[in-house]
């Protein structure tokens, strides 16, 4: 018995992908060029480097806590962010973490206390 469901083909007890494009490992599940929610956190002991990184991150998103930024980025913007971060930090001393949140995870974001969620800059409410 064989039947199709979306992009998967179920034959007997096995499932195979049919016509799916393969993604590079670590690539954003970013269909149609949509921005995804990126969370950037850092721990940098040097005041000067920390300040420079914070100013650079403001070009990509919003500060939501002292050393945490939320950014809505497309893949090319994320690559530019990575390049800037790498140029500003000292890898042997500093720690920068970049978390990519899927659309479902971003939709279930919970905020307790103060602070609005970071909105997609391409969406305008009239």
PDB file of N, CA and C in Angstrom:
ATOM      1  N   UNK A   1       0.835  -1.169   0.000  1.00  0.00           N
ATOM      2  CA  UNK A   1       0.000   0.000   0.000  1.00  0.00           C
ATOM      3  C   UNK A   1       0.886   1.240   0.000  1.00  0.00           C
ATOM      4  N   UNK A   2       0.565   2.190  -0.875  1.00  0.00           N
ATOM      5  CA  UNK A   2       1.351   3.406  -1.001  1.00  0.00           C
ATOM      6  C   UNK A   2       0.421   4.605  -1.076  1.00  0.00           C
ATOM      7  N   UNK A   3       0.729   5.629  -0.301  1.00  0.00           N
ATOM      8  CA  UNK A   3      -0.060   6.856  -0.358  1.00  0.00           C
ATOM      9  C   UNK A   3       0.848   8.043  -0.066  1.00  0.00           C
ATOM     10  N   UNK A   4       0.460   9.198  -0.557  1.00  0.00           N
ATOM     11  CA  UNK A   4       1.263  10.409  -0.348  1.00  0.00           C
ATOM     12  C   UNK A   4       0.597  11.326   0.656  1.00  0.00           C
ATOM     13  N   UNK A   5       1.407  11.946   1.475  1.00  0.00           N
ATOM     14  CA  UNK A   5       0.961  12.964   2.424  1.00  0.00           C
ATOM     15  C   UNK A   5       1.925  14.133   2.320  1.00  0.00           C
ATOM     16  N   UNK A   6       1.476  15.223   1.736  1.00  0.00           N
ATOM     17  CA  UNK A   6       2.356  16.382   1.606  1.00  0.00           C
ATOM     18  C   UNK A   6       3.601  16.028   0.835  1.00  0.00           C
ATOM     19  N   UNK A   7       4.746  16.180   1.467  1.00  0.00           N
ATOM     20  CA  UNK A   7       6.016  15.914   0.817  1.00  0.00           C
ATOM     21  C   UNK A   7       6.585  14.552   1.178  1.00  0.00           C
ATOM     22  N   UNK A   8       5.831  13.742   1.863  1.00  0.00           N
ATOM     23  CA  UNK A   8       6.297  12.427   2.269  1.00  0.00           C
ATOM     24  C   UNK A   8       5.510  11.352   1.547  1.00  0.00           C
ATOM     25  N   UNK A   9       6.163  10.254   1.277  1.00  0.00           N
ATOM     26  CA  UNK A   9       5.492   9.121   0.663  1.00  0.00           C
ATOM     27  C   UNK A   9       5.585   7.954   1.639  1.00  0.00           C
ATOM     28  N   UNK A  10       4.437   7.411   1.986  1.00  0.00           N
ATOM     29  CA  UNK A  10       4.396   6.297   2.934  1.00  0.00           C
ATOM     30  C   UNK A  10       4.156   5.029   2.137  1.00  0.00           C
ATOM     31  N   UNK A  11       5.096   4.104   2.189  1.00  0.00           N
ATOM     32  CA  UNK A  11       4.982   2.842   1.484  1.00  0.00           C
ATOM     33  C   UNK A  11       5.148   1.731   2.503  1.00  0.00           C
ATOM     34  N   UNK A  12       4.113   0.953   2.698  1.00  0.00           N
ATOM     35  CA  UNK A  12       4.178  -0.094   3.716  1.00  0.00           C
ATOM     36  C   UNK A  12       4.423   0.553   5.057  1.00  0.00           C
ATOM     37  N   UNK A  13       5.530   0.244   5.694  1.00  0.00           N
ATOM     38  CA  UNK A  13       5.845   0.815   6.996  1.00  0.00           C
ATOM     39  C   UNK A  13       6.982   1.814   6.955  1.00  0.00           C
ATOM     40  N   UNK A  14       7.439   2.200   5.717  1.00  0.00           N
ATOM     41  CA  UNK A  14       8.568   3.124   5.634  1.00  0.00           C
ATOM     42  C   UNK A  14       8.122   4.478   5.104  1.00  0.00           C
ATOM     43  N   UNK A  15       8.853   5.502   5.504  1.00  0.00           N
ATOM     44  CA  UNK A  15       8.570   6.862   5.060  1.00  0.00           C
ATOM     45  C   UNK A  15       9.791   7.362   4.309  1.00  0.00           C
ATOM     46  N   UNK A  16       9.555   7.902   3.106  1.00  0.00           N
ATOM     47  CA  UNK A  16      10.655   8.495   2.362  1.00  0.00           C
ATOM     48  C   UNK A  16      10.252   9.886   1.924  1.00  0.00           C
ATOM     49  N   UNK A  17      11.248  10.771   1.824  1.00  0.00           N
ATOM     50  CA  UNK A  17      10.953  12.119   1.361  1.00  0.00           C
ATOM     51  C   UNK A  17      10.845  12.100  -0.148  1.00  0.00           C
ATOM     52  N   UNK A  18       9.904  12.862  -0.672  1.00  0.00           N
ATOM     53  CA  UNK A  18       9.697  12.930  -2.106  1.00  0.00           C
ATOM     54  C   UNK A  18       9.787  14.393  -2.518  1.00  0.00           C
ATOM     55  N   UNK A  19      10.769  14.720  -3.306  1.00  0.00           N
ATOM     56  CA  UNK A  19      10.883  16.070  -3.841  1.00  0.00           C
ATOM     57  C   UNK A  19      11.247  17.140  -2.827  1.00  0.00           C
ATOM     58  N   UNK A  20      11.843  16.773  -1.708  1.00  0.00           N
ATOM     59  CA  UNK A  20      12.255  17.783  -0.729  1.00  0.00           C
ATOM     60  C   UNK A  20      13.673  18.241  -1.027  1.00  0.00           C
ATOM     61  N   UNK A  21      13.902  19.532  -0.905  1.00  0.00           N
ATOM     62  CA  UNK A  21      15.256  20.047  -1.045  1.00  0.00           C
ATOM     63  C   UNK A  21      15.978  19.848   0.269  1.00  0.00           C
ATOM     64  N   UNK A  22      17.217  19.437   0.196  1.00  0.00           N
ATOM     65  CA  UNK A  22      18.007  19.250   1.407  1.00  0.00           C
ATOM     66  C   UNK A  22      18.547  20.597   1.876  1.00  0.00           C
ATOM     67  N   UNK A  23      18.547  20.797   3.193  1.00  0.00           N
ATOM     68  CA  UNK A  23      19.092  21.985   3.807  1.00  0.00           C
ATOM     69  C   UNK A  23      20.483  21.689   4.313  1.00  0.00           C
ATOM     70  N   UNK A  24      21.326  22.692   4.250  1.00  0.00           N
ATOM     71  CA  UNK A  24      22.643  22.560   4.847  1.00  0.00           C
ATOM     72  C   UNK A  24      22.478  22.423   6.358  1.00  0.00           C
ATOM     73  N   UNK A  25      23.336  21.634   7.024  1.00  0.00           N
ATOM     74  CA  UNK A  25      23.241  21.538   8.477  1.00  0.00           C
ATOM     75  C   UNK A  25      23.372  22.921   9.104  1.00  0.00           C
ATOM     76  N   UNK A  26      22.451  23.237  10.000  1.00  0.00           N
ATOM     77  CA  UNK A  26      22.480  24.517  10.684  1.00  0.00           C
ATOM     78  C   UNK A  26      21.807  25.644   9.929  1.00  0.00           C
ATOM     79  N   UNK A  27      21.308  25.370   8.717  1.00  0.00           N
ATOM     80  CA  UNK A  27      20.641  26.426   7.955  1.00  0.00           C
ATOM     81  C   UNK A  27      19.283  26.732   8.572  1.00  0.00           C
ATOM     82  N   UNK A  28      18.868  27.964   8.434  1.00  0.00           N
ATOM     83  CA  UNK A  28      17.595  28.388   9.027  1.00  0.00           C
ATOM     84  C   UNK A  28      16.426  27.728   8.329  1.00  0.00           C
ATOM     85  N   UNK A  29      15.427  27.276   9.092  1.00  0.00           N
ATOM     86  CA  UNK A  29      14.200  26.789   8.481  1.00  0.00           C
ATOM     87  C   UNK A  29      13.396  28.008   8.046  1.00  0.00           C
ATOM     88  N   UNK A  30      13.919  28.709   7.062  1.00  0.00           N
ATOM     89  CA  UNK A  30      13.497  30.045   6.736  1.00  0.00           C
ATOM     90  C   UNK A  30      12.922  30.073   5.330  1.00  0.00           C
ATOM     91  N   UNK A  31      11.696  29.640   5.178  1.00  0.00           N
ATOM     92  CA  UNK A  31      11.071  29.573   3.861  1.00  0.00           C
ATOM     93  C   UNK A  31      10.720  30.957   3.361  1.00  0.00           C
ATOM     94  N   UNK A  32      10.836  31.135   2.059  1.00  0.00           N
ATOM     95  CA  UNK A  32      10.469  32.382   1.385  1.00  0.00           C
ATOM     96  C   UNK A  32      11.194  33.591   1.955  1.00  0.00           C
ATOM     97  N   UNK A  33      12.387  33.401   2.481  1.00  0.00           N
ATOM     98  CA  UNK A  33      13.178  34.515   2.955  1.00  0.00           C
ATOM     99  C   UNK A  33      12.643  35.223   4.185  1.00  0.00           C
ATOM    100  N   UNK A  34      11.785  34.568   4.946  1.00  0.00           N
ATOM    101  CA  UNK A  34      11.234  35.194   6.151  1.00  0.00           C
ATOM    102  C   UNK A  34      12.291  35.292   7.243  1.00  0.00           C
ATOM    103  N   UNK A  35      12.163  36.325   8.039  1.00  0.00           N
ATOM    104  CA  UNK A  35      13.071  36.493   9.169  1.00  0.00           C
ATOM    105  C   UNK A  35      12.676  35.528  10.283  1.00  0.00           C
ATOM    106  N   UNK A  36      13.669  35.015  10.980  1.00  0.00           N
ATOM    107  CA  UNK A  36      13.426  34.140  12.120  1.00  0.00           C
ATOM    108  C   UNK A  36      13.927  34.847  13.381  1.00  0.00           C
ATOM    109  N   UNK A  37      13.398  34.445  14.516  1.00  0.00           N
ATOM    110  CA  UNK A  37      13.802  35.039  15.783  1.00  0.00           C
ATOM    111  C   UNK A  37      15.142  34.458  16.218  1.00  0.00           C
ATOM    112  N   UNK A  38      16.091  35.336  16.448  1.00  0.00           N
ATOM    113  CA  UNK A  38      17.436  34.966  16.884  1.00  0.00           C
ATOM    114  C   UNK A  38      17.651  35.585  18.254  1.00  0.00           C
ATOM    115  N   UNK A  39      18.127  34.791  19.186  1.00  0.00           N
ATOM    116  CA  UNK A  39      18.449  35.259  20.522  1.00  0.00           C
ATOM    117  C   UNK A  39      19.970  35.245  20.656  1.00  0.00           C
ATOM    118  N   UNK A  40      20.543  36.378  21.028  1.00  0.00           N
ATOM    119  CA  UNK A  40      21.997  36.490  21.187  1.00  0.00           C
ATOM    120  C   UNK A  40      22.286  36.851  22.637  1.00  0.00           C
ATOM    121  N   UNK A  41      23.102  36.035  23.280  1.00  0.00           N
ATOM    122  CA  UNK A  41      23.529  36.352  24.649  1.00  0.00           C
ATOM    123  C   UNK A  41      25.051  36.362  24.678  1.00  0.00           C
ATOM    124  N   UNK A  42      25.594  37.141  25.599  1.00  0.00           N
ATOM    125  CA  UNK A  42      27.052  37.220  25.652  1.00  0.00           C
ATOM    126  C   UNK A  42      27.535  37.424  27.077  1.00  0.00           C
ATOM    127  N   UNK A  43      28.765  36.996  27.296  1.00  0.00           N
ATOM    128  CA  UNK A  43      29.468  37.192  28.558  1.00  0.00           C
ATOM    129  C   UNK A  43      30.880  37.616  28.177  1.00  0.00           C
ATOM    130  N   UNK A  44      31.166  38.900  28.327  1.00  0.00           N
ATOM    131  CA  UNK A  44      32.449  39.454  27.898  1.00  0.00           C
ATOM    132  C   UNK A  44      33.047  40.242  29.065  1.00  0.00           C
ATOM    133  N   UNK A  45      34.182  39.796  29.591  1.00  0.00           N
ATOM    134  CA  UNK A  45      34.753  40.439  30.772  1.00  0.00           C
ATOM    135  C   UNK A  45      35.337  41.831  30.513  1.00  0.00           C
ATOM    136  N   UNK A  46      35.784  42.100  29.288  1.00  0.00           N
ATOM    137  CA  UNK A  46      36.406  43.376  28.972  1.00  0.00           C
ATOM    138  C   UNK A  46      35.344  44.431  28.652  1.00  0.00           C
ATOM    139  N   UNK A  47      35.362  45.556  29.402  1.00  0.00           N
ATOM    140  CA  UNK A  47      34.339  46.598  29.234  1.00  0.00           C
ATOM    141  C   UNK A  47      34.301  47.160  27.818  1.00  0.00           C
ATOM    142  N   UNK A  48      35.432  47.423  27.253  1.00  0.00           N
ATOM    143  CA  UNK A  48      35.493  48.031  25.921  1.00  0.00           C
ATOM    144  C   UNK A  48      34.913  47.099  24.850  1.00  0.00           C
ATOM    145  N   UNK A  49      35.318  45.831  24.857  1.00  0.00           N
ATOM    146  CA  UNK A  49      34.784  44.869  23.881  1.00  0.00           C
ATOM    147  C   UNK A  49      33.289  44.661  24.084  1.00  0.00           C
ATOM    148  N   UNK A  50      32.881  44.586  25.347  1.00  0.00           N
ATOM    149  CA  UNK A  50      31.453  44.392  25.654  1.00  0.00           C
ATOM    150  C   UNK A  50      30.619  45.561  25.110  1.00  0.00           C
ATOM    151  N   UNK A  51      31.091  46.776  25.304  1.00  0.00           N
ATOM    152  CA  UNK A  51      30.378  47.957  24.810  1.00  0.00           C
ATOM    153  C   UNK A  51      30.330  47.962  23.287  1.00  0.00           C
ATOM    154  N   UNK A  52      31.441  47.644  22.653  1.00  0.00           N
ATOM    155  CA  UNK A  52      31.465  47.603  21.178  1.00  0.00           C
ATOM    156  C   UNK A  52      30.518  46.545  20.634  1.00  0.00           C
ATOM    157  N   UNK A  53      30.481  45.393  21.281  1.00  0.00           N
ATOM    158  CA  UNK A  53      29.575  44.339  20.821  1.00  0.00           C
ATOM    159  C   UNK A  53      28.127  44.769  21.000  1.00  0.00           C
ATOM    160  N   UNK A  54      27.798  45.371  22.133  1.00  0.00           N
ATOM    161  CA  UNK A  54      26.425  45.817  22.377  1.00  0.00           C
ATOM    162  C   UNK A  54      25.992  46.828  21.328  1.00  0.00           C
ATOM    163  N   UNK A  55      26.872  47.762  20.973  1.00  0.00           N
ATOM    164  CA  UNK A  55      26.537  48.741  19.932  1.00  0.00           C
ATOM    165  C   UNK A  55      26.332  48.056  18.583  1.00  0.00           C
ATOM    166  N   UNK A  56      27.141  47.078  18.278  1.00  0.00           N
ATOM    167  CA  UNK A  56      26.991  46.352  17.012  1.00  0.00           C
ATOM    168  C   UNK A  56      25.680  45.577  16.983  1.00  0.00           C
ATOM    169  N   UNK A  57      25.327  44.948  18.098  1.00  0.00           N
ATOM    170  CA  UNK A  57      24.088  44.159  18.147  1.00  0.00           C
ATOM    171  C   UNK A  57      22.851  45.037  18.012  1.00  0.00           C
ATOM    172  N   UNK A  58      22.942  46.302  18.414  1.00  0.00           N
ATOM    173  CA  UNK A  58      21.807  47.225  18.254  1.00  0.00           C
ATOM    174  C   UNK A  58      21.467  47.438  16.781  1.00  0.00           C
ATOM    175  N   UNK A  59      22.434  47.210  15.892  1.00  0.00           N
ATOM    176  CA  UNK A  59      22.176  47.310  14.447  1.00  0.00           C
ATOM    177  C   UNK A  59      21.325  46.152  13.938  1.00  0.00           C
ATOM    178  N   UNK A  60      21.217  45.077  14.727  1.00  0.00           N
ATOM    179  CA  UNK A  60      20.516  43.883  14.285  1.00  0.00           C
ATOM    180  C   UNK A  60      19.225  43.599  15.043  1.00  0.00           C
ATOM    181  N   UNK A  61      19.099  44.132  16.249  1.00  0.00           N
ATOM    182  CA  UNK A  61      17.918  43.805  17.047  1.00  0.00           C
ATOM    183  C   UNK A  61      17.770  44.716  18.243  1.00  0.00           C
ATOM    184  N   UNK A  62      17.009  44.226  19.207  1.00  0.00           N
ATOM    185  CA  UNK A  62      16.702  45.009  20.401  1.00  0.00           C
ATOM    186  C   UNK A  62      17.263  44.337  21.644  1.00  0.00           C
ATOM    187  N   UNK A  63      17.811  45.156  22.521  1.00  0.00           N
ATOM    188  CA  UNK A  63      18.292  44.644  23.807  1.00  0.00           C
ATOM    189  C   UNK A  63      17.070  44.351  24.669  1.00  0.00           C
ATOM    190  N   UNK A  64      16.987  43.129  25.190  1.00  0.00           N
ATOM    191  CA  UNK A  64      15.867  42.755  26.049  1.00  0.00           C
ATOM    192  C   UNK A  64      16.320  42.553  27.492  1.00  0.00           C
ATOM    193  N   UNK A  65      17.596  42.343  27.689  1.00  0.00           N
ATOM    194  CA  UNK A  65      18.217  42.303  29.011  1.00  0.00           C
ATOM    195  C   UNK A  65      19.633  42.828  28.846  1.00  0.00           C
ATOM    196  N   UNK A  66      20.353  42.967  29.942  1.00  0.00           N
ATOM    197  CA  UNK A  66      21.662  43.607  29.873  1.00  0.00           C
ATOM    198  C   UNK A  66      22.580  42.971  28.820  1.00  0.00           C
ATOM    199  N   UNK A  67      22.661  41.679  28.770  1.00  0.00           N
ATOM    200  CA  UNK A  67      23.551  41.031  27.797  1.00  0.00           C
ATOM    201  C   UNK A  67      22.789  40.060  26.892  1.00  0.00           C
ATOM    202  N   UNK A  68      21.546  40.400  26.563  1.00  0.00           N
ATOM    203  CA  UNK A  68      20.711  39.565  25.703  1.00  0.00           C
ATOM    204  C   UNK A  68      19.999  40.438  24.674  1.00  0.00           C
ATOM    205  N   UNK A  69      20.090  40.046  23.420  1.00  0.00           N
ATOM    206  CA  UNK A  69      19.402  40.745  22.338  1.00  0.00           C
ATOM    207  C   UNK A  69      18.479  39.776  21.611  1.00  0.00           C
ATOM    208  N   UNK A  70      17.321  40.286  21.166  1.00  0.00           N
ATOM    209  CA  UNK A  70      16.429  39.539  20.282  1.00  0.00           C
ATOM    210  C   UNK A  70      16.499  40.206  18.919  1.00  0.00           C
ATOM    211  N   UNK A  71      16.647  39.404  17.892  1.00  0.00           N
ATOM    212  CA  UNK A  71      16.768  39.919  16.530  1.00  0.00           C
ATOM    213  C   UNK A  71      15.859  39.119  15.610  1.00  0.00           C
ATOM    214  N   UNK A  72      15.211  39.779  14.682  1.00  0.00           N
ATOM    215  CA  UNK A  72      14.455  39.098  13.617  1.00  0.00           C
ATOM    216  C   UNK A  72      15.295  39.249  12.367  1.00  0.00           C
ATOM    217  N   UNK A  73      15.903  38.141  11.931  1.00  0.00           N
ATOM    218  CA  UNK A  73      16.873  38.211  10.840  1.00  0.00           C
ATOM    219  C   UNK A  73      16.612  37.185   9.756  1.00  0.00           C
ATOM    220  N   UNK A  74      16.951  37.566   8.541  1.00  0.00           N
ATOM    221  CA  UNK A  74      16.996  36.623   7.432  1.00  0.00           C
ATOM    222  C   UNK A  74      18.389  36.004   7.442  1.00  0.00           C
ATOM    223  N   UNK A  75      18.571  34.947   6.677  1.00  0.00           N
ATOM    224  CA  UNK A  75      19.837  34.201   6.695  1.00  0.00           C
ATOM    225  C   UNK A  75      21.038  35.093   6.371  1.00  0.00           C
ATOM    226  N   UNK A  76      20.932  35.957   5.381  1.00  0.00           N
ATOM    227  CA  UNK A  76      22.066  36.818   5.018  1.00  0.00           C
ATOM    228  C   UNK A  76      22.382  37.811   6.136  1.00  0.00           C
ATOM    229  N   UNK A  77      21.361  38.298   6.832  1.00  0.00           N
ATOM    230  CA  UNK A  77      21.588  39.203   7.962  1.00  0.00           C
ATOM    231  C   UNK A  77      22.262  38.466   9.118  1.00  0.00           C
ATOM    232  N   UNK A  78      21.844  37.221   9.341  1.00  0.00           N
ATOM    233  CA  UNK A  78      22.459  36.413  10.388  1.00  0.00           C
ATOM    234  C   UNK A  78      23.934  36.183  10.085  1.00  0.00           C
ATOM    235  N   UNK A  79      24.254  35.945   8.840  1.00  0.00           N
ATOM    236  CA  UNK A  79      25.658  35.770   8.460  1.00  0.00           C
ATOM    237  C   UNK A  79      26.468  37.042   8.705  1.00  0.00           C
ATOM    238  N   UNK A  80      25.876  38.203   8.419  1.00  0.00           N
ATOM    239  CA  UNK A  80      26.564  39.478   8.696  1.00  0.00           C
ATOM    240  C   UNK A  80      26.764  39.661  10.197  1.00  0.00           C
ATOM    241  N   UNK A  81      25.753  39.289  10.994  1.00  0.00           N
ATOM    242  CA  UNK A  81      25.875  39.381  12.449  1.00  0.00           C
ATOM    243  C   UNK A  81      27.033  38.513  12.935  1.00  0.00           C
ATOM    244  N   UNK A  82      27.098  37.277  12.457  1.00  0.00           N
ATOM    245  CA  UNK A  82      28.188  36.371  12.857  1.00  0.00           C
ATOM    246  C   UNK A  82      29.556  36.965  12.528  1.00  0.00           C
ATOM    247  N   UNK A  83      29.673  37.554  11.341  1.00  0.00           N
ATOM    248  CA  UNK A  83      30.939  38.143  10.916  1.00  0.00           C
ATOM    249  C   UNK A  83      31.337  39.306  11.823  1.00  0.00           C
ATOM    250  N   UNK A  84      30.382  40.164  12.153  1.00  0.00           N
ATOM    251  CA  UNK A  84      30.681  41.295  13.034  1.00  0.00           C
ATOM    252  C   UNK A  84      31.058  40.842  14.428  1.00  0.00           C
ATOM    253  N   UNK A  85      30.325  39.861  14.948  1.00  0.00           N
ATOM    254  CA  UNK A  85      30.636  39.343  16.285  1.00  0.00           C
ATOM    255  C   UNK A  85      32.057  38.783  16.306  1.00  0.00           C
ATOM    256  N   UNK A  86      32.390  37.986  15.311  1.00  0.00           N
ATOM    257  CA  UNK A  86      33.719  37.371  15.257  1.00  0.00           C
ATOM    258  C   UNK A  86      34.828  38.418  15.214  1.00  0.00           C
ATOM    259  N   UNK A  87      34.572  39.545  14.550  1.00  0.00           N
ATOM    260  CA  UNK A  87      35.578  40.603  14.455  1.00  0.00           C
ATOM    261  C   UNK A  87      35.739  41.378  15.759  1.00  0.00           C
ATOM    262  N   UNK A  88      34.729  41.347  16.619  1.00  0.00           N
ATOM    263  CA  UNK A  88      34.752  42.165  17.838  1.00  0.00           C
ATOM    264  C   UNK A  88      35.181  41.424  19.098  1.00  0.00           C
ATOM    265  N   UNK A  89      35.067  40.111  19.100  1.00  0.00           N
ATOM    266  CA  UNK A  89      35.338  39.385  20.341  1.00  0.00           C
ATOM    267  C   UNK A  89      36.735  38.779  20.351  1.00  0.00           C
ATOM    268  N   UNK A  90      37.149  38.396  21.520  1.00  0.00           N
ATOM    269  CA  UNK A  90      38.383  37.652  21.737  1.00  0.00           C
ATOM    270  C   UNK A  90      37.952  36.231  22.089  1.00  0.00           C
ATOM    271  N   UNK A  91      38.056  35.316  21.126  1.00  0.00           N
ATOM    272  CA  UNK A  91      37.509  33.966  21.282  1.00  0.00           C
ATOM    273  C   UNK A  91      38.053  33.227  22.503  1.00  0.00           C
ATOM    274  N   UNK A  92      39.254  33.515  22.916  1.00  0.00           N
ATOM    275  CA  UNK A  92      39.849  32.836  24.069  1.00  0.00           C
ATOM    276  C   UNK A  92      39.295  33.340  25.403  1.00  0.00           C
ATOM    277  N   UNK A  93      38.647  34.519  25.408  1.00  0.00           N
ATOM    278  CA  UNK A  93      38.162  35.105  26.651  1.00  0.00           C
ATOM    279  C   UNK A  93      36.649  35.322  26.700  1.00  0.00           C
ATOM    280  N   UNK A  94      36.030  35.518  25.548  1.00  0.00           N
ATOM    281  CA  UNK A  94      34.631  35.930  25.488  1.00  0.00           C
ATOM    282  C   UNK A  94      33.719  34.775  25.088  1.00  0.00           C
ATOM    283  N   UNK A  95      32.445  34.922  25.434  1.00  0.00           N
ATOM    284  CA  UNK A  95      31.446  33.924  25.070  1.00  0.00           C
ATOM    285  C   UNK A  95      30.235  34.631  24.462  1.00  0.00           C
ATOM    286  N   UNK A  96      29.889  34.255  23.232  1.00  0.00           N
ATOM    287  CA  UNK A  96      28.692  34.766  22.569  1.00  0.00           C
ATOM    288  C   UNK A  96      27.917  33.552  22.095  1.00  0.00           C
ATOM    289  N   UNK A  97      26.644  33.512  22.436  1.00  0.00           N
ATOM    290  CA  UNK A  97      25.774  32.409  22.026  1.00  0.00           C
ATOM    291  C   UNK A  97      24.668  32.956  21.138  1.00  0.00           C
ATOM    292  N   UNK A  98      24.448  32.263  20.025  1.00  0.00           N
ATOM    293  CA  UNK A  98      23.408  32.656  19.074  1.00  0.00           C
ATOM    294  C   UNK A  98      22.423  31.507  18.986  1.00  0.00           C
ATOM    295  N   UNK A  99      21.193  31.769  19.424  1.00  0.00           N
ATOM    296  CA  UNK A  99      20.145  30.746  19.406  1.00  0.00           C
ATOM    297  C   UNK A  99      19.134  31.097  18.329  1.00  0.00           C
ATOM    298  N   UNK A 100      18.797  30.128  17.516  1.00  0.00           N
ATOM    299  CA  UNK A 100      17.789  30.296  16.471  1.00  0.00           C
ATOM    300  C   UNK A 100      16.502  29.642  16.962  1.00  0.00           C
ATOM    301  N   UNK A 101      15.431  30.415  17.038  1.00  0.00           N
ATOM    302  CA  UNK A 101      14.154  29.876  17.506  1.00  0.00           C
ATOM    303  C   UNK A 101      13.237  29.629  16.308  1.00  0.00           C
ATOM    304  N   UNK A 102      12.649  28.456  16.266  1.00  0.00           N
ATOM    305  CA  UNK A 102      11.723  28.139  15.181  1.00  0.00           C
ATOM    306  C   UNK A 102      10.469  28.993  15.325  1.00  0.00           C
ATOM    307  N   UNK A 103       9.659  29.062  14.272  1.00  0.00           N
ATOM    308  CA  UNK A 103       8.448  29.892  14.289  1.00  0.00           C
ATOM    309  C   UNK A 103       7.502  29.469  15.406  1.00  0.00           C
ATOM    310  N   UNK A 104       7.377  28.171  15.621  1.00  0.00           N
ATOM    311  CA  UNK A 104       6.493  27.679  16.681  1.00  0.00           C
ATOM    312  C   UNK A 104       7.010  28.095  18.055  1.00  0.00           C
ATOM    313  N   UNK A 105       8.320  27.996  18.263  1.00  0.00           N
ATOM    314  CA  UNK A 105       8.904  28.402  19.543  1.00  0.00           C
ATOM    315  C   UNK A 105       8.744  29.903  19.756  1.00  0.00           C
ATOM    316  N   UNK A 106       8.969  30.692  18.727  1.00  0.00           N
ATOM    317  CA  UNK A 106       8.840  32.142  18.844  1.00  0.00           C
ATOM    318  C   UNK A 106       7.401  32.535  19.153  1.00  0.00           C
ATOM    319  N   UNK A 107       6.443  31.808  18.577  1.00  0.00           N
ATOM    320  CA  UNK A 107       5.024  32.106  18.826  1.00  0.00           C
ATOM    321  C   UNK A 107       4.630  31.790  20.265  1.00  0.00           C
ATOM    322  N   UNK A 108       5.367  30.877  20.907  1.00  0.00           N
ATOM    323  CA  UNK A 108       5.043  30.500  22.285  1.00  0.00           C
ATOM    324  C   UNK A 108       5.921  31.208  23.308  1.00  0.00           C
ATOM    325  N   UNK A 109       6.594  32.267  22.897  1.00  0.00           N
ATOM    326  CA  UNK A 109       7.444  33.048  23.784  1.00  0.00           C
ATOM    327  C   UNK A 109       6.627  33.583  24.951  1.00  0.00           C
ATOM    328  N   UNK A 110       7.119  33.420  26.147  1.00  0.00           N
ATOM    329  CA  UNK A 110       6.453  33.928  27.353  1.00  0.00           C
ATOM    330  C   UNK A 110       7.320  35.014  27.964  1.00  0.00           C
ATOM    331  N   UNK A 111       6.693  36.124  28.320  1.00  0.00           N
ATOM    332  CA  UNK A 111       7.392  37.214  28.993  1.00  0.00           C
ATOM    333  C   UNK A 111       6.700  37.439  30.325  1.00  0.00           C
ATOM    334  N   UNK A 112       7.452  37.362  31.385  1.00  0.00           N
ATOM    335  CA  UNK A 112       6.907  37.643  32.709  1.00  0.00           C
ATOM    336  C   UNK A 112       7.535  38.935  33.189  1.00  0.00           C
ATOM    337  N   UNK A 113       6.706  39.860  33.578  1.00  0.00           N
ATOM    338  CA  UNK A 113       7.215  41.158  33.988  1.00  0.00           C
ATOM    339  C   UNK A 113       7.243  42.109  32.807  1.00  0.00           C
ATOM    340  N   UNK A 114       8.153  43.058  32.845  1.00  0.00           N
ATOM    341  CA  UNK A 114       8.217  44.108  31.840  1.00  0.00           C
ATOM    342  C   UNK A 114       8.857  43.637  30.552  1.00  0.00           C
ATOM    343  N   UNK A 115       8.490  44.291  29.463  1.00  0.00           N
ATOM    344  CA  UNK A 115       9.162  44.067  28.196  1.00  0.00           C
ATOM    345  C   UNK A 115       8.267  43.514  27.115  1.00  0.00           C
ATOM    346  N   UNK A 116       8.131  44.257  26.012  1.00  0.00           N
ATOM    347  CA  UNK A 116       7.357  43.754  24.873  1.00  0.00           C
ATOM    348  C   UNK A 116       8.184  42.745  24.082  1.00  0.00           C
ATOM    349  N   UNK A 117       7.519  41.897  23.310  1.00  0.00           N
ATOM    350  CA  UNK A 117       8.258  40.966  22.462  1.00  0.00           C
ATOM    351  C   UNK A 117       8.794  41.713  21.252  1.00  0.00           C
ATOM    352  N   UNK A 118       9.866  41.216  20.681  1.00  0.00           N
ATOM    353  CA  UNK A 118      10.486  41.821  19.512  1.00  0.00           C
ATOM    354  C   UNK A 118       9.655  41.481  18.290  1.00  0.00           C
ATOM    355  N   UNK A 119       9.237  42.496  17.580  1.00  0.00           N
ATOM    356  CA  UNK A 119       8.385  42.297  16.410  1.00  0.00           C
ATOM    357  C   UNK A 119       9.228  42.276  15.144  1.00  0.00           C
ATOM    358  N   UNK A 120       8.678  41.676  14.096  1.00  0.00           N
ATOM    359  CA  UNK A 120       9.306  41.668  12.785  1.00  0.00           C
ATOM    360  C   UNK A 120       9.279  43.092  12.250  1.00  0.00           C
ATOM    361  N   UNK A 121      10.452  43.672  11.890  1.00  0.00           N
ATOM    362  CA  UNK A 121      10.464  45.061  11.428  1.00  0.00           C
ATOM    363  C   UNK A 121       9.749  45.264  10.095  1.00  0.00           C
ATOM    364  N   UNK A 122       9.441  44.206   9.378  1.00  0.00           N
ATOM    365  CA  UNK A 122       8.757  44.313   8.096  1.00  0.00           C
ATOM    366  C   UNK A 122       7.249  44.250   8.242  1.00  0.00           C
ATOM    367  N   UNK A 123       6.744  44.175   9.465  1.00  0.00           N
ATOM    368  CA  UNK A 123       5.312  44.102   9.701  1.00  0.00           C
ATOM    369  C   UNK A 123       4.851  45.411  10.323  1.00  0.00           C
ATOM    370  N   UNK A 124       3.854  46.032   9.711  1.00  0.00           N
ATOM    371  CA  UNK A 124       3.346  47.303  10.210  1.00  0.00           C
ATOM    372  C   UNK A 124       1.869  47.156  10.495  1.00  0.00           C
ATOM    373  N   UNK A 125       1.428  47.661  11.636  1.00  0.00           N
ATOM    374  CA  UNK A 125       0.013  47.634  12.000  1.00  0.00           C
ATOM    375  C   UNK A 125      -0.543  49.028  11.742  1.00  0.00           C
ATOM    376  N   UNK A 126      -1.584  49.106  10.916  1.00  0.00           N
ATOM    377  CA  UNK A 126      -2.201  50.400  10.580  1.00  0.00           C
ATOM    378  C   UNK A 126      -3.505  50.564  11.296  1.00  0.00           C
TER     379      UNK A 126
END
